[in-house]
Amino acid sequence: MANKLFIMLQNTSPANPHSLAAPFFQATAAAVMDYEVEIVLTTDAGLLMKKGVAENLRAKEGSSKTVYDFIKDAYNAGVVFKICTPAMELNDFTKDDLIEECSGVVGGAYVVEMVMDDNVRTLSY
C-alpha cells in the first residue's frame, strides 16, 4: 500500500477560488491520517505560493476563511509545499516572493519521479 500522497495543482488557479479549498482540505485529511503528503503547484496555480495572493482569496464568497488559511491548515498538519520552476518563470516572481509554507522549487523531472513511484498515489487538480 502506498504511504505517500502527491497532489499536483496545475489546472486550477486564483481565477477560480471556489476550486481551491478541496485540494488543501484533502491534503490536510491525508496528513492527519498519517500519510506523507506533498503538493506541487505549477502554471497559474503556482501563484498561490506568492506572498499576498492566497491571503486575498476565499473559496466561498462571504467566508471568513481564506485560501491561505487552508494552506496553513495543511502545512500545520505536515503537508509539504513545493513550486515548479516554470510557474515562477511564467508568473515572473522569485524565491524571495514565496510564502513561508513553500519549502522548495522543483522541476519537471521531480514531478515525473513522484508520479512513477509505486509507493505514491497522485491526485491532480
C-alpha atoms as a PDB file:
ATOM      1  CA  MET A   1       0.000   0.000   0.000  1.00  0.00           C
ATOM      2  CA  ALA A   2       1.253   3.485  -0.836  1.00  0.00           C
ATOM      3  CA  ASN A   3       2.241   5.688   2.069  1.00  0.00           C
ATOM      4  CA  LYS A   4       2.576   8.980   0.224  1.00  0.00           C
ATOM      5  CA  LEU A   5       0.042  11.233  -1.473  1.00  0.00           C
ATOM      6  CA  PHE A   6       1.333  13.536  -4.180  1.00  0.00           C
ATOM      7  CA  ILE A   7      -1.030  16.332  -5.206  1.00  0.00           C
ATOM      8  CA  MET A   8      -0.349  18.278  -8.378  1.00  0.00           C
ATOM      9  CA  LEU A   9      -2.090  21.616  -8.742  1.00  0.00           C
ATOM     10  CA  GLN A  10      -1.921  22.695 -12.356  1.00  0.00           C
ATOM     11  CA  ASN A  11      -5.415  23.120 -13.753  1.00  0.00           C
ATOM     12  CA  THR A  12      -6.774  25.431 -11.117  1.00  0.00           C
ATOM     13  CA  SER A  13      -5.759  28.975 -10.331  1.00  0.00           C
ATOM     14  CA  PRO A  14      -6.539  32.062  -8.282  1.00  0.00           C
ATOM     15  CA  ALA A  15      -9.005  32.981 -11.042  1.00  0.00           C
ATOM     16  CA  ASN A  16     -11.221  30.099  -9.796  1.00  0.00           C
ATOM     17  CA  PRO A  17     -11.066  30.389  -5.991  1.00  0.00           C
ATOM     18  CA  HIS A  18     -14.109  28.125  -5.487  1.00  0.00           C
ATOM     19  CA  SER A  19     -11.982  25.190  -6.721  1.00  0.00           C
ATOM     20  CA  LEU A  20      -9.095  25.797  -4.322  1.00  0.00           C
ATOM     21  CA  ALA A  21     -10.320  24.545  -0.948  1.00  0.00           C
ATOM     22  CA  ALA A  22     -10.737  20.861  -1.862  1.00  0.00           C
ATOM     23  CA  PRO A  23      -7.100  20.026  -2.674  1.00  0.00           C
ATOM     24  CA  PHE A  24      -5.848  21.634   0.542  1.00  0.00           C
ATOM     25  CA  PHE A  25      -8.626  20.094   2.625  1.00  0.00           C
ATOM     26  CA  GLN A  26      -7.927  16.619   1.210  1.00  0.00           C
ATOM     27  CA  ALA A  27      -4.194  17.073   1.769  1.00  0.00           C
ATOM     28  CA  THR A  28      -4.855  18.021   5.382  1.00  0.00           C
ATOM     29  CA  ALA A  29      -7.108  14.997   5.874  1.00  0.00           C
ATOM     30  CA  ALA A  30      -4.464  12.652   4.438  1.00  0.00           C
ATOM     31  CA  ALA A  31      -1.738  14.165   6.639  1.00  0.00           C
ATOM     32  CA  VAL A  32      -3.927  13.747   9.729  1.00  0.00           C
ATOM     33  CA  MET A  33      -4.370  10.108   8.683  1.00  0.00           C
ATOM     34  CA  ASP A  34      -0.551   9.800   8.912  1.00  0.00           C
ATOM     35  CA  TYR A  35       0.174   9.754   5.195  1.00  0.00           C
ATOM     36  CA  GLU A  36       3.139  11.679   3.875  1.00  0.00           C
ATOM     37  CA  VAL A  37       1.654  14.430   1.702  1.00  0.00           C
ATOM     38  CA  GLU A  38       3.236  16.762  -0.791  1.00  0.00           C
ATOM     39  CA  ILE A  39       1.652  19.394  -3.000  1.00  0.00           C
ATOM     40  CA  VAL A  40       3.447  20.750  -6.055  1.00  0.00           C
ATOM     41  CA  LEU A  41       1.982  23.781  -7.769  1.00  0.00           C
ATOM     42  CA  THR A  42       2.686  24.742 -11.368  1.00  0.00           C
ATOM     43  CA  THR A  43       1.405  27.124 -14.055  1.00  0.00           C
ATOM     44  CA  ASP A  44      -1.066  29.685 -12.655  1.00  0.00           C
ATOM     45  CA  ALA A  45      -1.718  27.553  -9.563  1.00  0.00           C
ATOM     46  CA  GLY A  46       1.826  28.480  -8.574  1.00  0.00           C
ATOM     47  CA  LEU A  47       0.593  31.997  -7.849  1.00  0.00           C
ATOM     48  CA  LEU A  48      -0.854  30.621  -4.607  1.00  0.00           C
ATOM     49  CA  MET A  49       2.698  30.305  -3.294  1.00  0.00           C
ATOM     50  CA  LYS A  50       3.331  34.017  -3.900  1.00  0.00           C
ATOM     51  CA  LYS A  51       3.004  36.294  -0.886  1.00  0.00           C
ATOM     52  CA  GLY A  52      -0.252  38.253  -0.893  1.00  0.00           C
ATOM     53  CA  VAL A  53      -2.200  36.092  -3.352  1.00  0.00           C
ATOM     54  CA  ALA A  54      -3.879  33.309  -1.308  1.00  0.00           C
ATOM     55  CA  GLU A  55      -4.410  35.721   1.592  1.00  0.00           C
ATOM     56  CA  ASN A  56      -6.858  37.667  -0.560  1.00  0.00           C
ATOM     57  CA  LEU A  57      -8.869  34.724  -1.910  1.00  0.00           C
ATOM     58  CA  ARG A  58     -11.889  32.976  -0.474  1.00  0.00           C
ATOM     59  CA  ALA A  59     -13.213  29.669  -1.786  1.00  0.00           C
ATOM     60  CA  LYS A  60     -16.707  30.790  -0.895  1.00  0.00           C
ATOM     61  CA  GLU A  61     -17.917  34.350  -1.048  1.00  0.00           C
ATOM     62  CA  GLY A  62     -18.529  35.747   2.411  1.00  0.00           C
ATOM     63  CA  SER A  63     -16.416  33.116   4.156  1.00  0.00           C
ATOM     64  CA  SER A  64     -14.077  34.302   6.865  1.00  0.00           C
ATOM     65  CA  LYS A  65     -11.577  31.598   5.871  1.00  0.00           C
ATOM     66  CA  THR A  66      -9.113  32.481   3.121  1.00  0.00           C
ATOM     67  CA  VAL A  67      -7.387  30.103   0.756  1.00  0.00           C
ATOM     68  CA  TYR A  68      -4.213  30.919   2.692  1.00  0.00           C
ATOM     69  CA  ASP A  69      -5.956  29.616   5.834  1.00  0.00           C
ATOM     70  CA  PHE A  70      -6.486  26.283   4.034  1.00  0.00           C
ATOM     71  CA  ILE A  71      -2.797  26.278   3.043  1.00  0.00           C
ATOM     72  CA  LYS A  72      -1.748  26.969   6.645  1.00  0.00           C
ATOM     73  CA  ASP A  73      -4.039  24.203   7.945  1.00  0.00           C
ATOM     74  CA  ALA A  74      -2.426  21.737   5.535  1.00  0.00           C
ATOM     75  CA  TYR A  75       1.073  22.939   6.378  1.00  0.00           C
ATOM     76  CA  ASN A  76       0.418  22.664  10.115  1.00  0.00           C
ATOM     77  CA  ALA A  77      -0.809  19.094   9.570  1.00  0.00           C
ATOM     78  CA  GLY A  78       2.518  18.243   7.919  1.00  0.00           C
ATOM     79  CA  VAL A  79       1.853  18.806   4.216  1.00  0.00           C
ATOM     80  CA  VAL A  80       4.940  19.845   2.237  1.00  0.00           C
ATOM     81  CA  PHE A  81       4.514  22.514  -0.442  1.00  0.00           C
ATOM     82  CA  LYS A  82       6.758  22.982  -3.470  1.00  0.00           C
ATOM     83  CA  ILE A  83       6.520  25.041  -6.608  1.00  0.00           C
ATOM     84  CA  CYS A  84       7.670  24.205 -10.124  1.00  0.00           C
ATOM     85  CA  THR A  85      10.287  26.454 -11.683  1.00  0.00           C
ATOM     86  CA  PRO A  86       8.100  27.150 -14.761  1.00  0.00           C
ATOM     87  CA  ALA A  87       5.345  28.554 -12.525  1.00  0.00           C
ATOM     88  CA  MET A  88       7.750  31.123 -11.133  1.00  0.00           C
ATOM     89  CA  GLU A  89       9.098  31.984 -14.571  1.00  0.00           C
ATOM     90  CA  LEU A  90       5.632  32.184 -16.134  1.00  0.00           C
ATOM     91  CA  ASN A  91       4.356  34.482 -13.395  1.00  0.00           C
ATOM     92  CA  ASP A  92       7.584  36.465 -13.033  1.00  0.00           C
ATOM     93  CA  PHE A  93       8.473  36.048  -9.382  1.00  0.00           C
ATOM     94  CA  THR A  94      11.435  34.771  -7.400  1.00  0.00           C
ATOM     95  CA  LYS A  95      12.142  32.686  -4.284  1.00  0.00           C
ATOM     96  CA  ASP A  96      12.006  35.900  -2.251  1.00  0.00           C
ATOM     97  CA  ASP A  97       8.323  36.223  -3.187  1.00  0.00           C
ATOM     98  CA  LEU A  98       7.341  32.788  -1.827  1.00  0.00           C
ATOM     99  CA  ILE A  99       5.197  32.299   1.264  1.00  0.00           C
ATOM    100  CA  GLU A 100       6.996  30.702   4.196  1.00  0.00           C
ATOM    101  CA  GLU A 101       4.992  27.463   3.808  1.00  0.00           C
ATOM    102  CA  CYS A 102       6.659  26.767   0.440  1.00  0.00           C
ATOM    103  CA  SER A 103       9.706  24.609   1.127  1.00  0.00           C
ATOM    104  CA  GLY A 104      11.308  24.481  -2.279  1.00  0.00           C
ATOM    105  CA  VAL A 105      11.428  24.741  -6.029  1.00  0.00           C
ATOM    106  CA  VAL A 106      11.356  21.650  -8.261  1.00  0.00           C
ATOM    107  CA  GLY A 107      11.453  20.874 -11.957  1.00  0.00           C
ATOM    108  CA  GLY A 108       9.558  18.603 -14.299  1.00  0.00           C
ATOM    109  CA  ALA A 109      11.764  15.571 -13.680  1.00  0.00           C
ATOM    110  CA  TYR A 110      10.839  15.679  -9.987  1.00  0.00           C
ATOM    111  CA  VAL A 111       7.143  15.536 -10.869  1.00  0.00           C
ATOM    112  CA  VAL A 112       7.691  12.566 -13.182  1.00  0.00           C
ATOM    113  CA  GLU A 113       9.628  10.738 -10.448  1.00  0.00           C
ATOM    114  CA  MET A 114       6.781  11.237  -7.981  1.00  0.00           C
ATOM    115  CA  VAL A 115       4.107  10.054 -10.396  1.00  0.00           C
ATOM    116  CA  MET A 116       6.093   6.959 -11.390  1.00  0.00           C
ATOM    117  CA  ASP A 117       6.899   5.876  -7.818  1.00  0.00           C
ATOM    118  CA  ASP A 118       4.927   2.747  -6.825  1.00  0.00           C
ATOM    119  CA  ASN A 119       4.747   3.960  -3.207  1.00  0.00           C
ATOM    120  CA  VAL A 120       2.993   7.193  -4.178  1.00  0.00           C
ATOM    121  CA  ARG A 121      -0.599   7.890  -5.140  1.00  0.00           C
ATOM    122  CA  THR A 122      -1.303  11.009  -7.190  1.00  0.00           C
ATOM    123  CA  LEU A 123      -4.209  13.437  -7.282  1.00  0.00           C
ATOM    124  CA  SER A 124      -4.279  16.225  -9.829  1.00  0.00           C
ATOM    125  CA  TYR A 125      -6.376  19.362  -9.798  1.00  0.00           C
END
